[in-house]
């Protein structure tokens, strides 16, 4: 398969590494700025007019604030689009972009890799089978932005810069996405987003959301400044409590019983995600998490004081 990459950064490299684990023959092109360093196994091109005719799909992994403009330029080529989350950093021009994608009948997928995490799949199956009443859900995801790219000043990366689409609410969009994926659309949502930690960046480094459902609320905290990473969900059922640890890959019931454990790696999740997308292309069926679906979830992300 022939794949075009737009935005050849750390995320794109993870996707390429996942593709290379598959038993398929891949060839890569990257749309880059003139003067970019050559890369092994990747052919550089420098303009949209140079995109080869035989490309099978595009990976869009440039900064979030460039996604919409990139998609607009690609839509007439009628290529399937694999879009790094989130699709945008504002709600501007989303309806116009949705219409263009529909007019060209494009297959799109927004890369929310935690949908393939075995712990969350276990929870989703349990919820779909009918369970005891949920009274409360608490979600927490905190990590330390300076550790994300150790060879760079964290203040210079786009995650720290609001104008470039940075911010903890956008970087940790996974938590918002899987909340809606697991529990459905809330009837109301609200958020408090701030930037006043010791990181001293202008992008939001703290987010606190509440998603309101008929019989329970989801409380979510996201941050950039936790030195020791933590990524967990707690579900308080009427008869038990589950703690889902997405880093350790374990579900604990009532603080003592391990009811599920996975040894799946992040690389495995990236591979599963791309395998799902490629199979969707082969079947010529749009994906569950397409551009339009993710645009609706983005509205919750951007609903804050």
C-alpha atoms as a PDB file:
ATOM      1  CA  UNK A   1       0.000   0.000   0.000  1.00  0.00           C
ATOM      2  CA  UNK A   2       1.107   3.558  -0.711  1.00  0.00           C
ATOM      3  CA  UNK A   3       0.691   6.003   2.152  1.00  0.00           C
ATOM      4  CA  UNK A   4       1.073   9.774   2.251  1.00  0.00           C
ATOM      5  CA  UNK A   5       2.029  11.377   5.579  1.00  0.00           C
ATOM      6  CA  UNK A   6       1.324  15.024   6.304  1.00  0.00           C
ATOM      7  CA  UNK A   7       3.095  16.091   9.469  1.00  0.00           C
ATOM      8  CA  UNK A   8       6.123  13.872  10.003  1.00  0.00           C
ATOM      9  CA  UNK A   9       6.580  14.192  13.761  1.00  0.00           C
ATOM     10  CA  UNK A  10       6.628  11.810  16.706  1.00  0.00           C
ATOM     11  CA  UNK A  11       3.020  10.672  16.235  1.00  0.00           C
ATOM     12  CA  UNK A  12       3.535   9.930  12.544  1.00  0.00           C
ATOM     13  CA  UNK A  13       6.563   7.819  13.430  1.00  0.00           C
ATOM     14  CA  UNK A  14       4.413   5.767  15.831  1.00  0.00           C
ATOM     15  CA  UNK A  15       1.903   5.114  13.057  1.00  0.00           C
ATOM     16  CA  UNK A  16       4.671   4.089  10.649  1.00  0.00           C
ATOM     17  CA  UNK A  17       6.147   1.750  13.273  1.00  0.00           C
ATOM     18  CA  UNK A  18       2.713   0.165  13.723  1.00  0.00           C
ATOM     19  CA  UNK A  19       2.272  -0.293   9.984  1.00  0.00           C
ATOM     20  CA  UNK A  20       5.663  -1.962   9.751  1.00  0.00           C
ATOM     21  CA  UNK A  21       4.453  -4.607  12.206  1.00  0.00           C
ATOM     22  CA  UNK A  22       1.794  -5.700   9.721  1.00  0.00           C
ATOM     23  CA  UNK A  23       2.280  -8.366   7.106  1.00  0.00           C
ATOM     24  CA  UNK A  24       1.758  -5.940   4.220  1.00  0.00           C
ATOM     25  CA  UNK A  25       3.976  -4.121   1.758  1.00  0.00           C
ATOM     26  CA  UNK A  26       3.958  -0.395   2.522  1.00  0.00           C
ATOM     27  CA  UNK A  27       5.565   2.534   0.735  1.00  0.00           C
ATOM     28  CA  UNK A  28       5.658   5.975   2.362  1.00  0.00           C
ATOM     29  CA  UNK A  29       5.630   9.530   1.054  1.00  0.00           C
ATOM     30  CA  UNK A  30       5.775  12.629   3.274  1.00  0.00           C
ATOM     31  CA  UNK A  31       4.646  16.132   2.337  1.00  0.00           C
ATOM     32  CA  UNK A  32       7.360  18.302   3.882  1.00  0.00           C
ATOM     33  CA  UNK A  33       8.911  21.740   3.696  1.00  0.00           C
ATOM     34  CA  UNK A  34      11.797  22.327   1.325  1.00  0.00           C
ATOM     35  CA  UNK A  35      15.123  21.595   2.996  1.00  0.00           C
ATOM     36  CA  UNK A  36      13.774  18.873   5.308  1.00  0.00           C
ATOM     37  CA  UNK A  37      16.210  16.107   6.076  1.00  0.00           C
ATOM     38  CA  UNK A  38      15.824  12.867   4.097  1.00  0.00           C
ATOM     39  CA  UNK A  39      14.468   9.828   5.962  1.00  0.00           C
ATOM     40  CA  UNK A  40      15.095   6.152   5.401  1.00  0.00           C
ATOM     41  CA  UNK A  41      12.246   4.504   3.554  1.00  0.00           C
ATOM     42  CA  UNK A  42      10.254   7.732   3.111  1.00  0.00           C
ATOM     43  CA  UNK A  43      10.131   9.793  -0.080  1.00  0.00           C
ATOM     44  CA  UNK A  44       9.818  13.536   0.398  1.00  0.00           C
ATOM     45  CA  UNK A  45       7.466  15.674  -1.686  1.00  0.00           C
ATOM     46  CA  UNK A  46       7.058  19.418  -1.258  1.00  0.00           C
ATOM     47  CA  UNK A  47       3.706  20.400  -2.759  1.00  0.00           C
ATOM     48  CA  UNK A  48       0.181  18.985  -3.010  1.00  0.00           C
ATOM     49  CA  UNK A  49       0.626  18.908  -6.786  1.00  0.00           C
ATOM     50  CA  UNK A  50       3.371  16.300  -6.314  1.00  0.00           C
ATOM     51  CA  UNK A  51       1.129  13.779  -4.552  1.00  0.00           C
ATOM     52  CA  UNK A  52       1.387  10.487  -6.485  1.00  0.00           C
ATOM     53  CA  UNK A  53      -1.735   9.158  -8.201  1.00  0.00           C
ATOM     54  CA  UNK A  54      -1.429   5.743  -6.571  1.00  0.00           C
ATOM     55  CA  UNK A  55      -1.741   6.792  -2.895  1.00  0.00           C
ATOM     56  CA  UNK A  56      -4.073   4.459  -0.947  1.00  0.00           C
ATOM     57  CA  UNK A  57      -4.646   6.679   2.096  1.00  0.00           C
ATOM     58  CA  UNK A  58      -3.347   9.732   3.937  1.00  0.00           C
ATOM     59  CA  UNK A  59      -2.199  10.069   7.553  1.00  0.00           C
ATOM     60  CA  UNK A  60      -2.820  13.634   8.767  1.00  0.00           C
ATOM     61  CA  UNK A  61      -0.625  14.198  11.816  1.00  0.00           C
ATOM     62  CA  UNK A  62       0.408  17.839  11.539  1.00  0.00           C
ATOM     63  CA  UNK A  63      -0.464  20.338  14.324  1.00  0.00           C
ATOM     64  CA  UNK A  64      -4.150  20.420  15.219  1.00  0.00           C
ATOM     65  CA  UNK A  65      -4.663  23.994  14.022  1.00  0.00           C
ATOM     66  CA  UNK A  66      -3.689  22.913  10.479  1.00  0.00           C
ATOM     67  CA  UNK A  67      -6.029  19.919  10.167  1.00  0.00           C
ATOM     68  CA  UNK A  68      -9.037  21.620   8.587  1.00  0.00           C
ATOM     69  CA  UNK A  69      -6.998  23.434   5.941  1.00  0.00           C
ATOM     70  CA  UNK A  70      -5.163  20.190   5.144  1.00  0.00           C
ATOM     71  CA  UNK A  71      -8.404  18.231   4.796  1.00  0.00           C
ATOM     72  CA  UNK A  72      -9.875  20.868   2.478  1.00  0.00           C
ATOM     73  CA  UNK A  73      -6.887  20.533   0.164  1.00  0.00           C
ATOM     74  CA  UNK A  74      -7.071  16.720   0.176  1.00  0.00           C
ATOM     75  CA  UNK A  75     -10.828  16.204  -0.236  1.00  0.00           C
ATOM     76  CA  UNK A  76     -10.840  16.600  -4.062  1.00  0.00           C
ATOM     77  CA  UNK A  77      -8.288  13.765  -4.332  1.00  0.00           C
ATOM     78  CA  UNK A  78     -10.939  11.345  -2.951  1.00  0.00           C
ATOM     79  CA  UNK A  79      -8.436   9.585  -0.685  1.00  0.00           C
ATOM     80  CA  UNK A  80      -9.304   7.903   2.641  1.00  0.00           C
ATOM     81  CA  UNK A  81      -8.153  10.079   5.529  1.00  0.00           C
ATOM     82  CA  UNK A  82      -6.636   8.855   8.797  1.00  0.00           C
ATOM     83  CA  UNK A  83      -6.735  11.968  11.004  1.00  0.00           C
ATOM     84  CA  UNK A  84      -4.841  12.343  14.251  1.00  0.00           C
ATOM     85  CA  UNK A  85      -7.110  13.481  17.071  1.00  0.00           C
ATOM     86  CA  UNK A  86      -8.609  15.974  17.567  1.00  0.00           C
ATOM     87  CA  UNK A  87      -9.877  17.089  14.189  1.00  0.00           C
ATOM     88  CA  UNK A  88      -9.542  20.793  15.044  1.00  0.00           C
ATOM     89  CA  UNK A  89      -8.931  23.248  17.873  1.00  0.00           C
ATOM     90  CA  UNK A  90     -12.075  25.327  17.204  1.00  0.00           C
ATOM     91  CA  UNK A  91     -15.560  24.639  15.842  1.00  0.00           C
ATOM     92  CA  UNK A  92     -14.991  26.951  12.866  1.00  0.00           C
ATOM     93  CA  UNK A  93     -15.686  25.500   9.399  1.00  0.00           C
ATOM     94  CA  UNK A  94     -16.596  22.038  10.733  1.00  0.00           C
ATOM     95  CA  UNK A  95     -20.001  21.876   8.998  1.00  0.00           C
ATOM     96  CA  UNK A  96     -18.453  22.983   5.721  1.00  0.00           C
ATOM     97  CA  UNK A  97     -15.785  20.295   6.030  1.00  0.00           C
ATOM     98  CA  UNK A  98     -18.365  17.620   6.905  1.00  0.00           C
ATOM     99  CA  UNK A  99     -20.358  18.537   3.797  1.00  0.00           C
ATOM    100  CA  UNK A 100     -17.271  18.328   1.583  1.00  0.00           C
ATOM    101  CA  UNK A 101     -16.342  14.904   2.975  1.00  0.00           C
ATOM    102  CA  UNK A 102     -19.893  13.654   2.377  1.00  0.00           C
ATOM    103  CA  UNK A 103     -20.008  15.077  -1.140  1.00  0.00           C
ATOM    104  CA  UNK A 104     -16.904  13.112  -2.070  1.00  0.00           C
ATOM    105  CA  UNK A 105     -18.056  10.055  -0.086  1.00  0.00           C
ATOM    106  CA  UNK A 106     -14.738   9.792   1.724  1.00  0.00           C
ATOM    107  CA  UNK A 107     -13.767   7.217   4.312  1.00  0.00           C
ATOM    108  CA  UNK A 108     -12.403   9.033   7.347  1.00  0.00           C
ATOM    109  CA  UNK A 109     -11.157   7.920  10.737  1.00  0.00           C
ATOM    110  CA  UNK A 110     -10.109  10.000  13.744  1.00  0.00           C
ATOM    111  CA  UNK A 111      -7.303   8.308  15.669  1.00  0.00           C
ATOM    112  CA  UNK A 112      -8.609   7.736  19.197  1.00  0.00           C
ATOM    113  CA  UNK A 113      -6.450   4.734  19.981  1.00  0.00           C
ATOM    114  CA  UNK A 114      -7.825   4.104  23.483  1.00  0.00           C
ATOM    115  CA  UNK A 115     -10.962   2.681  21.879  1.00  0.00           C
ATOM    116  CA  UNK A 116      -8.786  -0.358  21.223  1.00  0.00           C
ATOM    117  CA  UNK A 117      -7.516  -0.672  24.797  1.00  0.00           C
ATOM    118  CA  UNK A 118      -8.562  -4.117  26.108  1.00  0.00           C
ATOM    119  CA  UNK A 119      -9.583  -2.687  29.491  1.00  0.00           C
ATOM    120  CA  UNK A 120     -11.997  -0.242  27.896  1.00  0.00           C
ATOM    121  CA  UNK A 121     -13.296  -2.906  25.521  1.00  0.00           C
ATOM    122  CA  UNK A 122     -13.974  -5.093  28.572  1.00  0.00           C
ATOM    123  CA  UNK A 123     -15.881  -2.235  30.224  1.00  0.00           C
ATOM    124  CA  UNK A 124     -17.842  -1.477  27.063  1.00  0.00           C
ATOM    125  CA  UNK A 125     -18.936  -5.105  26.675  1.00  0.00           C
ATOM    126  CA  UNK A 126     -19.991  -5.225  30.326  1.00  0.00           C
ATOM    127  CA  UNK A 127     -22.027  -2.035  30.011  1.00  0.00           C
ATOM    128  CA  UNK A 128     -23.733  -3.245  26.842  1.00  0.00           C
ATOM    129  CA  UNK A 129     -24.813  -6.473  28.537  1.00  0.00           C
ATOM    130  CA  UNK A 130     -26.777  -4.589  31.170  1.00  0.00           C
ATOM    131  CA  UNK A 131     -25.413  -3.922  34.646  1.00  0.00           C
ATOM    132  CA  UNK A 132     -26.249  -2.656  38.067  1.00  0.00           C
ATOM    133  CA  UNK A 133     -26.954   1.040  38.191  1.00  0.00           C
ATOM    134  CA  UNK A 134     -24.016   3.448  37.884  1.00  0.00           C
ATOM    135  CA  UNK A 135     -23.921   6.128  40.572  1.00  0.00           C
ATOM    136  CA  UNK A 136     -20.732   7.958  39.621  1.00  0.00           C
ATOM    137  CA  UNK A 137     -17.789   7.903  37.218  1.00  0.00           C
ATOM    138  CA  UNK A 138     -14.449   9.600  37.909  1.00  0.00           C
ATOM    139  CA  UNK A 139     -11.767   9.969  35.246  1.00  0.00           C
ATOM    140  CA  UNK A 140      -8.258  11.279  35.809  1.00  0.00           C
ATOM    141  CA  UNK A 141      -5.384  11.700  33.379  1.00  0.00           C
ATOM    142  CA  UNK A 142      -2.271  13.558  34.414  1.00  0.00           C
ATOM    143  CA  UNK A 143       1.255  13.565  33.027  1.00  0.00           C
ATOM    144  CA  UNK A 144       4.250  15.884  32.854  1.00  0.00           C
ATOM    145  CA  UNK A 145       4.528  17.903  29.657  1.00  0.00           C
ATOM    146  CA  UNK A 146       8.335  18.507  29.945  1.00  0.00           C
ATOM    147  CA  UNK A 147       8.820  14.723  29.784  1.00  0.00           C
ATOM    148  CA  UNK A 148       6.892  14.328  26.533  1.00  0.00           C
ATOM    149  CA  UNK A 149       9.829  15.283  24.316  1.00  0.00           C
ATOM    150  CA  UNK A 150      13.010  15.210  26.365  1.00  0.00           C
ATOM    151  CA  UNK A 151      15.208  16.649  23.617  1.00  0.00           C
ATOM    152  CA  UNK A 152      13.092  19.812  23.247  1.00  0.00           C
ATOM    153  CA  UNK A 153      12.135  22.764  25.417  1.00  0.00           C
ATOM    154  CA  UNK A 154       8.527  21.945  26.284  1.00  0.00           C
ATOM    155  CA  UNK A 155       7.509  25.597  25.928  1.00  0.00           C
ATOM    156  CA  UNK A 156       8.410  25.448  22.235  1.00  0.00           C
ATOM    157  CA  UNK A 157       6.279  22.433  21.312  1.00  0.00           C
ATOM    158  CA  UNK A 158       2.806  23.042  19.922  1.00  0.00           C
ATOM    159  CA  UNK A 159       1.136  21.401  22.941  1.00  0.00           C
ATOM    160  CA  UNK A 160       2.198  24.392  25.053  1.00  0.00           C
ATOM    161  CA  UNK A 161       0.961  26.988  22.564  1.00  0.00           C
ATOM    162  CA  UNK A 162      -2.749  27.775  22.388  1.00  0.00           C
ATOM    163  CA  UNK A 163      -2.476  29.449  18.978  1.00  0.00           C
ATOM    164  CA  UNK A 164      -1.122  26.225  17.459  1.00  0.00           C
ATOM    165  CA  UNK A 165      -3.918  24.079  18.841  1.00  0.00           C
ATOM    166  CA  UNK A 166      -2.181  23.092  22.055  1.00  0.00           C
ATOM    167  CA  UNK A 167      -3.796  22.507  25.412  1.00  0.00           C
ATOM    168  CA  UNK A 168      -4.437  19.588  27.734  1.00  0.00           C
ATOM    169  CA  UNK A 169      -8.106  19.342  26.661  1.00  0.00           C
ATOM    170  CA  UNK A 170      -7.029  18.744  23.054  1.00  0.00           C
ATOM    171  CA  UNK A 171      -3.976  16.563  23.725  1.00  0.00           C
ATOM    172  CA  UNK A 172      -5.963  14.375  26.139  1.00  0.00           C
ATOM    173  CA  UNK A 173      -9.035  14.320  23.918  1.00  0.00           C
ATOM    174  CA  UNK A 174      -8.960  10.516  24.359  1.00  0.00           C
ATOM    175  CA  UNK A 175     -10.674  10.793  27.747  1.00  0.00           C
ATOM    176  CA  UNK A 176     -13.511  12.884  26.345  1.00  0.00           C
ATOM    177  CA  UNK A 177     -13.844  10.551  23.375  1.00  0.00           C
ATOM    178  CA  UNK A 178     -14.025   7.322  25.355  1.00  0.00           C
ATOM    179  CA  UNK A 179     -16.497   8.849  27.816  1.00  0.00           C
ATOM    180  CA  UNK A 180     -19.001   9.416  25.024  1.00  0.00           C
ATOM    181  CA  UNK A 181     -18.097   6.099  23.398  1.00  0.00           C
ATOM    182  CA  UNK A 182     -18.803   4.185  26.621  1.00  0.00           C
ATOM    183  CA  UNK A 183     -21.717   6.098  28.120  1.00  0.00           C
ATOM    184  CA  UNK A 184     -23.309   7.882  25.178  1.00  0.00           C
ATOM    185  CA  UNK A 185     -24.040  11.565  24.767  1.00  0.00           C
ATOM    186  CA  UNK A 186     -24.578  13.487  28.010  1.00  0.00           C
ATOM    187  CA  UNK A 187     -27.641  15.683  28.214  1.00  0.00           C
ATOM    188  CA  UNK A 188     -25.423  18.484  29.503  1.00  0.00           C
ATOM    189  CA  UNK A 189     -21.704  19.133  29.842  1.00  0.00           C
ATOM    190  CA  UNK A 190     -19.547  21.875  31.283  1.00  0.00           C
ATOM    191  CA  UNK A 191     -15.874  22.504  31.841  1.00  0.00           C
ATOM    192  CA  UNK A 192     -13.429  24.706  33.713  1.00  0.00           C
ATOM    193  CA  UNK A 193     -10.099  25.106  31.893  1.00  0.00           C
ATOM    194  CA  UNK A 194      -7.164  27.073  33.250  1.00  0.00           C
ATOM    195  CA  UNK A 195      -3.459  27.706  32.848  1.00  0.00           C
ATOM    196  CA  UNK A 196      -1.823  28.769  36.080  1.00  0.00           C
ATOM    197  CA  UNK A 197       0.503  25.955  37.114  1.00  0.00           C
ATOM    198  CA  UNK A 198       4.275  26.106  37.523  1.00  0.00           C
ATOM    199  CA  UNK A 199       4.658  25.103  33.855  1.00  0.00           C
ATOM    200  CA  UNK A 200       3.997  28.734  32.897  1.00  0.00           C
ATOM    201  CA  UNK A 201       2.496  28.110  29.442  1.00  0.00           C
ATOM    202  CA  UNK A 202      -0.323  29.936  27.680  1.00  0.00           C
ATOM    203  CA  UNK A 203      -2.180  26.787  26.582  1.00  0.00           C
ATOM    204  CA  UNK A 204      -4.554  25.246  29.111  1.00  0.00           C
ATOM    205  CA  UNK A 205      -2.663  22.917  31.457  1.00  0.00           C
ATOM    206  CA  UNK A 206      -5.703  21.919  33.564  1.00  0.00           C
ATOM    207  CA  UNK A 207      -9.218  20.849  32.624  1.00  0.00           C
ATOM    208  CA  UNK A 208     -12.116  19.804  34.830  1.00  0.00           C
ATOM    209  CA  UNK A 209     -15.233  18.561  33.029  1.00  0.00           C
ATOM    210  CA  UNK A 210     -18.618  17.370  34.208  1.00  0.00           C
ATOM    211  CA  UNK A 211     -20.752  15.231  31.897  1.00  0.00           C
ATOM    212  CA  UNK A 212     -24.306  14.872  33.165  1.00  0.00           C
ATOM    213  CA  UNK A 213     -26.383  11.763  32.448  1.00  0.00           C
ATOM    214  CA  UNK A 214     -29.854  10.838  33.685  1.00  0.00           C
ATOM    215  CA  UNK A 215     -28.751   8.786  36.700  1.00  0.00           C
ATOM    216  CA  UNK A 216     -25.067   9.690  37.193  1.00  0.00           C
ATOM    217  CA  UNK A 217     -22.361  12.214  36.422  1.00  0.00           C
ATOM    218  CA  UNK A 218     -18.908  11.752  34.915  1.00  0.00           C
ATOM    219  CA  UNK A 219     -16.262  13.902  36.593  1.00  0.00           C
ATOM    220  CA  UNK A 220     -13.049  14.331  34.616  1.00  0.00           C
ATOM    221  CA  UNK A 221      -9.716  15.941  35.484  1.00  0.00           C
ATOM    222  CA  UNK A 222      -6.899  16.374  32.952  1.00  0.00           C
ATOM    223  CA  UNK A 223      -3.528  18.025  33.492  1.00  0.00           C
ATOM    224  CA  UNK A 224      -0.036  18.529  32.069  1.00  0.00           C
ATOM    225  CA  UNK A 225       1.864  18.950  35.352  1.00  0.00           C
ATOM    226  CA  UNK A 226       1.729  15.573  37.156  1.00  0.00           C
ATOM    227  CA  UNK A 227       5.316  14.290  37.395  1.00  0.00           C
ATOM    228  CA  UNK A 228       4.222  10.698  37.878  1.00  0.00           C
ATOM    229  CA  UNK A 229       1.703   9.736  35.169  1.00  0.00           C
ATOM    230  CA  UNK A 230      -1.732   8.518  36.140  1.00  0.00           C
ATOM    231  CA  UNK A 231      -4.503   7.465  33.769  1.00  0.00           C
ATOM    232  CA  UNK A 232      -7.484   5.880  35.477  1.00  0.00           C
ATOM    233  CA  UNK A 233     -11.256   5.608  35.438  1.00  0.00           C
ATOM    234  CA  UNK A 234     -13.341   4.708  38.473  1.00  0.00           C
ATOM    235  CA  UNK A 235     -16.904   3.467  38.041  1.00  0.00           C
ATOM    236  CA  UNK A 236     -19.020   3.466  41.191  1.00  0.00           C
ATOM    237  CA  UNK A 237     -21.801   0.941  40.588  1.00  0.00           C
ATOM    238  CA  UNK A 238     -24.648   0.410  43.044  1.00  0.00           C
ATOM    239  CA  UNK A 239     -23.077  -2.857  44.232  1.00  0.00           C
ATOM    240  CA  UNK A 240     -19.321  -2.494  43.563  1.00  0.00           C
ATOM    241  CA  UNK A 241     -16.515  -0.191  42.471  1.00  0.00           C
ATOM    242  CA  UNK A 242     -14.242  -0.702  39.486  1.00  0.00           C
ATOM    243  CA  UNK A 243     -10.891   1.017  39.072  1.00  0.00           C
ATOM    244  CA  UNK A 244      -9.620   0.837  35.500  1.00  0.00           C
ATOM    245  CA  UNK A 245      -5.888   1.598  35.226  1.00  0.00           C
ATOM    246  CA  UNK A 246      -5.074   2.277  31.586  1.00  0.00           C
ATOM    247  CA  UNK A 247      -1.309   2.456  32.169  1.00  0.00           C
ATOM    248  CA  UNK A 248      -0.995  -0.817  34.081  1.00  0.00           C
ATOM    249  CA  UNK A 249      -3.715  -2.484  32.015  1.00  0.00           C
ATOM    250  CA  UNK A 250      -5.691  -3.817  34.949  1.00  0.00           C
ATOM    251  CA  UNK A 251      -9.229  -3.576  36.356  1.00  0.00           C
ATOM    252  CA  UNK A 252      -9.571  -3.862  40.135  1.00  0.00           C
ATOM    253  CA  UNK A 253     -12.898  -4.466  41.871  1.00  0.00           C
ATOM    254  CA  UNK A 254     -13.545  -3.083  45.364  1.00  0.00           C
ATOM    255  CA  UNK A 255      -9.852  -2.219  45.835  1.00  0.00           C
ATOM    256  CA  UNK A 256      -8.824  -5.876  46.104  1.00  0.00           C
ATOM    257  CA  UNK A 257      -9.916  -8.217  43.280  1.00  0.00           C
ATOM    258  CA  UNK A 258      -8.167  -8.177  39.917  1.00  0.00           C
ATOM    259  CA  UNK A 259     -10.946  -9.008  37.457  1.00  0.00           C
ATOM    260  CA  UNK A 260      -9.096  -8.241  34.223  1.00  0.00           C
ATOM    261  CA  UNK A 261      -5.483  -7.877  33.122  1.00  0.00           C
ATOM    262  CA  UNK A 262      -3.921  -7.166  29.754  1.00  0.00           C
ATOM    263  CA  UNK A 263      -0.316  -7.145  28.565  1.00  0.00           C
ATOM    264  CA  UNK A 264      -1.156  -5.283  25.368  1.00  0.00           C
ATOM    265  CA  UNK A 265       1.389  -2.578  24.543  1.00  0.00           C
ATOM    266  CA  UNK A 266       0.797   0.886  23.117  1.00  0.00           C
ATOM    267  CA  UNK A 267       2.385  -0.340  19.884  1.00  0.00           C
ATOM    268  CA  UNK A 268      -0.219  -3.119  19.745  1.00  0.00           C
ATOM    269  CA  UNK A 269      -3.020  -0.549  20.105  1.00  0.00           C
ATOM    270  CA  UNK A 270      -1.634   1.534  17.246  1.00  0.00           C
ATOM    271  CA  UNK A 271      -1.444  -1.588  15.109  1.00  0.00           C
ATOM    272  CA  UNK A 272      -5.036  -2.613  15.922  1.00  0.00           C
ATOM    273  CA  UNK A 273      -6.244   0.872  15.104  1.00  0.00           C
ATOM    274  CA  UNK A 274      -4.576   0.966  11.698  1.00  0.00           C
ATOM    275  CA  UNK A 275      -5.699  -2.564  10.929  1.00  0.00           C
ATOM    276  CA  UNK A 276      -9.287  -1.470  11.605  1.00  0.00           C
ATOM    277  CA  UNK A 277      -8.895   1.536   9.288  1.00  0.00           C
ATOM    278  CA  UNK A 278      -7.287  -0.477   6.480  1.00  0.00           C
ATOM    279  CA  UNK A 279     -10.034  -3.106   6.686  1.00  0.00           C
ATOM    280  CA  UNK A 280     -12.621  -0.325   6.448  1.00  0.00           C
ATOM    281  CA  UNK A 281     -10.952   0.848   3.239  1.00  0.00           C
ATOM    282  CA  UNK A 282     -10.960  -2.686   1.833  1.00  0.00           C
ATOM    283  CA  UNK A 283     -14.675  -3.050   2.631  1.00  0.00           C
ATOM    284  CA  UNK A 284     -15.374   0.467   1.369  1.00  0.00           C
ATOM    285  CA  UNK A 285     -17.261   1.204   4.598  1.00  0.00           C
ATOM    286  CA  UNK A 286     -16.873   4.333   6.672  1.00  0.00           C
ATOM    287  CA  UNK A 287     -15.516   3.978  10.194  1.00  0.00           C
ATOM    288  CA  UNK A 288     -17.315   4.172  13.537  1.00  0.00           C
ATOM    289  CA  UNK A 289     -15.272   7.199  14.565  1.00  0.00           C
ATOM    290  CA  UNK A 290     -15.378   9.237  11.384  1.00  0.00           C
ATOM    291  CA  UNK A 291     -14.891  12.984  11.009  1.00  0.00           C
ATOM    292  CA  UNK A 292     -18.548  13.865  11.592  1.00  0.00           C
ATOM    293  CA  UNK A 293     -18.840  11.675  14.716  1.00  0.00           C
ATOM    294  CA  UNK A 294     -15.676  13.162  16.199  1.00  0.00           C
ATOM    295  CA  UNK A 295     -16.887  16.699  15.414  1.00  0.00           C
ATOM    296  CA  UNK A 296     -19.835  16.125  17.756  1.00  0.00           C
ATOM    297  CA  UNK A 297     -17.491  14.985  20.537  1.00  0.00           C
ATOM    298  CA  UNK A 298     -15.246  17.998  19.937  1.00  0.00           C
ATOM    299  CA  UNK A 299     -18.173  20.214  20.941  1.00  0.00           C
ATOM    300  CA  UNK A 300     -18.038  18.750  24.468  1.00  0.00           C
ATOM    301  CA  UNK A 301     -14.280  19.304  24.560  1.00  0.00           C
ATOM    302  CA  UNK A 302     -14.668  22.978  23.662  1.00  0.00           C
ATOM    303  CA  UNK A 303     -17.618  23.648  25.983  1.00  0.00           C
ATOM    304  CA  UNK A 304     -15.907  25.410  28.891  1.00  0.00           C
ATOM    305  CA  UNK A 305     -15.922  28.642  30.859  1.00  0.00           C
END
